[in-house]
Amino acid sequence: MHAWAEVYLPGAGWRGFDPSRGLSVNDDYIAVAAGQLSQDAAPTFGSFRGEGVSSMDAEISISVLDNKTATFDQAN
């Protein structure tokens, strides 16, 4: 998971760009959070004090509920 930038272009709508991969955002990208500041879109938060933890894993599961949720209009 990582972030990408989006810009509103009059006449074209919102367009995303992934600078880490040098690609335009397409249907392979799935937005799970959005925010002006990075902390507004953090998938997890909290703190841990202790020993024996060296990494954190995250997992996202996506299911299509019906045809209405399967369509996404990027212009809106």
C-alpha atoms as a PDB file:
ATOM      1  CA  MET A   1       0.000   0.000   0.000  1.00  0.00           C
ATOM      2  CA  HIS A   2       1.197   3.466  -0.810  1.00  0.00           C
ATOM      3  CA  ALA A   3      -0.099   6.898  -1.719  1.00  0.00           C
ATOM      4  CA  TRP A   4      -0.531   8.699  -5.004  1.00  0.00           C
ATOM      5  CA  ALA A   5      -1.311  12.323  -5.827  1.00  0.00           C
ATOM      6  CA  GLU A   6      -4.442  13.585  -7.569  1.00  0.00           C
ATOM      7  CA  VAL A   7      -5.151  16.848  -9.339  1.00  0.00           C
ATOM      8  CA  TYR A   8      -8.384  18.318 -10.701  1.00  0.00           C
ATOM      9  CA  LEU A   9      -8.095  19.267 -14.367  1.00  0.00           C
ATOM     10  CA  PRO A  10     -10.981  21.397 -15.715  1.00  0.00           C
ATOM     11  CA  GLY A  11     -12.706  19.439 -18.453  1.00  0.00           C
ATOM     12  CA  ALA A  12     -10.953  16.187 -17.499  1.00  0.00           C
ATOM     13  CA  GLY A  13     -11.926  15.816 -13.824  1.00  0.00           C
ATOM     14  CA  TRP A  14      -9.759  14.251 -11.139  1.00  0.00           C
ATOM     15  CA  ARG A  15      -6.626  12.487 -12.388  1.00  0.00           C
ATOM     16  CA  GLY A  16      -4.194  10.514 -10.282  1.00  0.00           C
ATOM     17  CA  PHE A  17      -0.467   9.964 -10.704  1.00  0.00           C
ATOM     18  CA  ASP A  18       1.731   7.434  -8.895  1.00  0.00           C
ATOM     19  CA  PRO A  19       5.197   9.038  -8.692  1.00  0.00           C
ATOM     20  CA  SER A  20       6.807   5.939  -7.149  1.00  0.00           C
ATOM     21  CA  ARG A  21       5.962   3.886 -10.263  1.00  0.00           C
ATOM     22  CA  GLY A  22       5.787   6.695 -12.826  1.00  0.00           C
ATOM     23  CA  LEU A  23       2.255   5.688 -13.844  1.00  0.00           C
ATOM     24  CA  SER A  24      -1.144   7.271 -14.196  1.00  0.00           C
ATOM     25  CA  VAL A  25      -3.655   5.852 -11.728  1.00  0.00           C
ATOM     26  CA  ASN A  26      -5.972   3.310 -13.395  1.00  0.00           C
ATOM     27  CA  ASP A  27      -8.468   0.618 -12.372  1.00  0.00           C
ATOM     28  CA  ASP A  28      -5.667  -1.396 -10.744  1.00  0.00           C
ATOM     29  CA  TYR A  29      -5.550   1.219  -7.953  1.00  0.00           C
ATOM     30  CA  ILE A  30      -8.082   1.068  -5.140  1.00  0.00           C
ATOM     31  CA  ALA A  31      -8.487   4.017  -2.788  1.00  0.00           C
ATOM     32  CA  VAL A  32      -8.954   2.865   0.794  1.00  0.00           C
ATOM     33  CA  ALA A  33      -8.522   6.279   2.450  1.00  0.00           C
ATOM     34  CA  ALA A  34      -8.095   9.912   1.469  1.00  0.00           C
ATOM     35  CA  GLY A  35      -6.894  12.989   3.281  1.00  0.00           C
ATOM     36  CA  GLN A  36      -5.122  16.279   2.838  1.00  0.00           C
ATOM     37  CA  LEU A  37      -2.553  15.272   5.457  1.00  0.00           C
ATOM     38  CA  SER A  38      -0.993  11.814   5.717  1.00  0.00           C
ATOM     39  CA  GLN A  39      -2.272  11.285   9.268  1.00  0.00           C
ATOM     40  CA  ASP A  40      -5.844  11.810   8.000  1.00  0.00           C
ATOM     41  CA  ALA A  41      -5.550   8.655   5.879  1.00  0.00           C
ATOM     42  CA  ALA A  42      -3.523   6.400   8.173  1.00  0.00           C
ATOM     43  CA  PRO A  43      -4.827   2.804   7.972  1.00  0.00           C
ATOM     44  CA  THR A  44      -3.801   2.112  11.560  1.00  0.00           C
ATOM     45  CA  PHE A  45      -2.818   4.119  14.580  1.00  0.00           C
ATOM     46  CA  GLY A  46      -1.724   3.522  18.115  1.00  0.00           C
ATOM     47  CA  SER A  47       1.429   2.655  19.974  1.00  0.00           C
ATOM     48  CA  PHE A  48       3.275  -0.357  21.327  1.00  0.00           C
ATOM     49  CA  ARG A  49       5.800  -0.594  24.103  1.00  0.00           C
ATOM     50  CA  GLY A  50       7.671  -3.842  24.470  1.00  0.00           C
ATOM     51  CA  GLU A  51      10.027  -6.275  22.798  1.00  0.00           C
ATOM     52  CA  GLY A  52       9.885  -8.935  20.128  1.00  0.00           C
ATOM     53  CA  VAL A  53       8.015  -7.028  17.415  1.00  0.00           C
ATOM     54  CA  SER A  54       9.944  -6.288  14.224  1.00  0.00           C
ATOM     55  CA  SER A  55       7.257  -5.697  11.584  1.00  0.00           C
ATOM     56  CA  MET A  56       3.591  -5.014  10.921  1.00  0.00           C
ATOM     57  CA  ASP A  57       1.432  -6.619   8.214  1.00  0.00           C
ATOM     58  CA  ALA A  58      -1.712  -5.205   6.603  1.00  0.00           C
ATOM     59  CA  GLU A  59      -4.294  -6.918   4.434  1.00  0.00           C
ATOM     60  CA  ILE A  60      -7.203  -5.587   2.372  1.00  0.00           C
ATOM     61  CA  SER A  61     -10.028  -7.764   1.097  1.00  0.00           C
ATOM     62  CA  ILE A  62     -12.330  -6.474  -1.653  1.00  0.00           C
ATOM     63  CA  SER A  63     -15.670  -7.964  -2.700  1.00  0.00           C
ATOM     64  CA  VAL A  64     -18.096  -6.746  -5.358  1.00  0.00           C
ATOM     65  CA  LEU A  65     -21.539  -6.518  -3.766  1.00  0.00           C
ATOM     66  CA  ASP A  66     -23.588  -5.778  -6.894  1.00  0.00           C
ATOM     67  CA  ASN A  67     -23.300  -4.137 -10.302  1.00  0.00           C
ATOM     68  CA  LYS A  68     -23.855  -0.652  -8.853  1.00  0.00           C
ATOM     69  CA  THR A  69     -20.764  -0.907  -6.643  1.00  0.00           C
ATOM     70  CA  ALA A  70     -18.698  -2.421  -9.454  1.00  0.00           C
ATOM     71  CA  THR A  71     -18.791   0.807 -11.504  1.00  0.00           C
ATOM     72  CA  PHE A  72     -16.710   3.839 -10.547  1.00  0.00           C
ATOM     73  CA  ASP A  73     -16.889   7.147 -12.394  1.00  0.00           C
ATOM     74  CA  GLN A  74     -13.573   8.956 -11.862  1.00  0.00           C
ATOM     75  CA  ALA A  75     -14.999  12.243 -13.165  1.00  0.00           C
ATOM     76  CA  ASN A  76     -17.234  12.633 -10.080  1.00  0.00           C
END
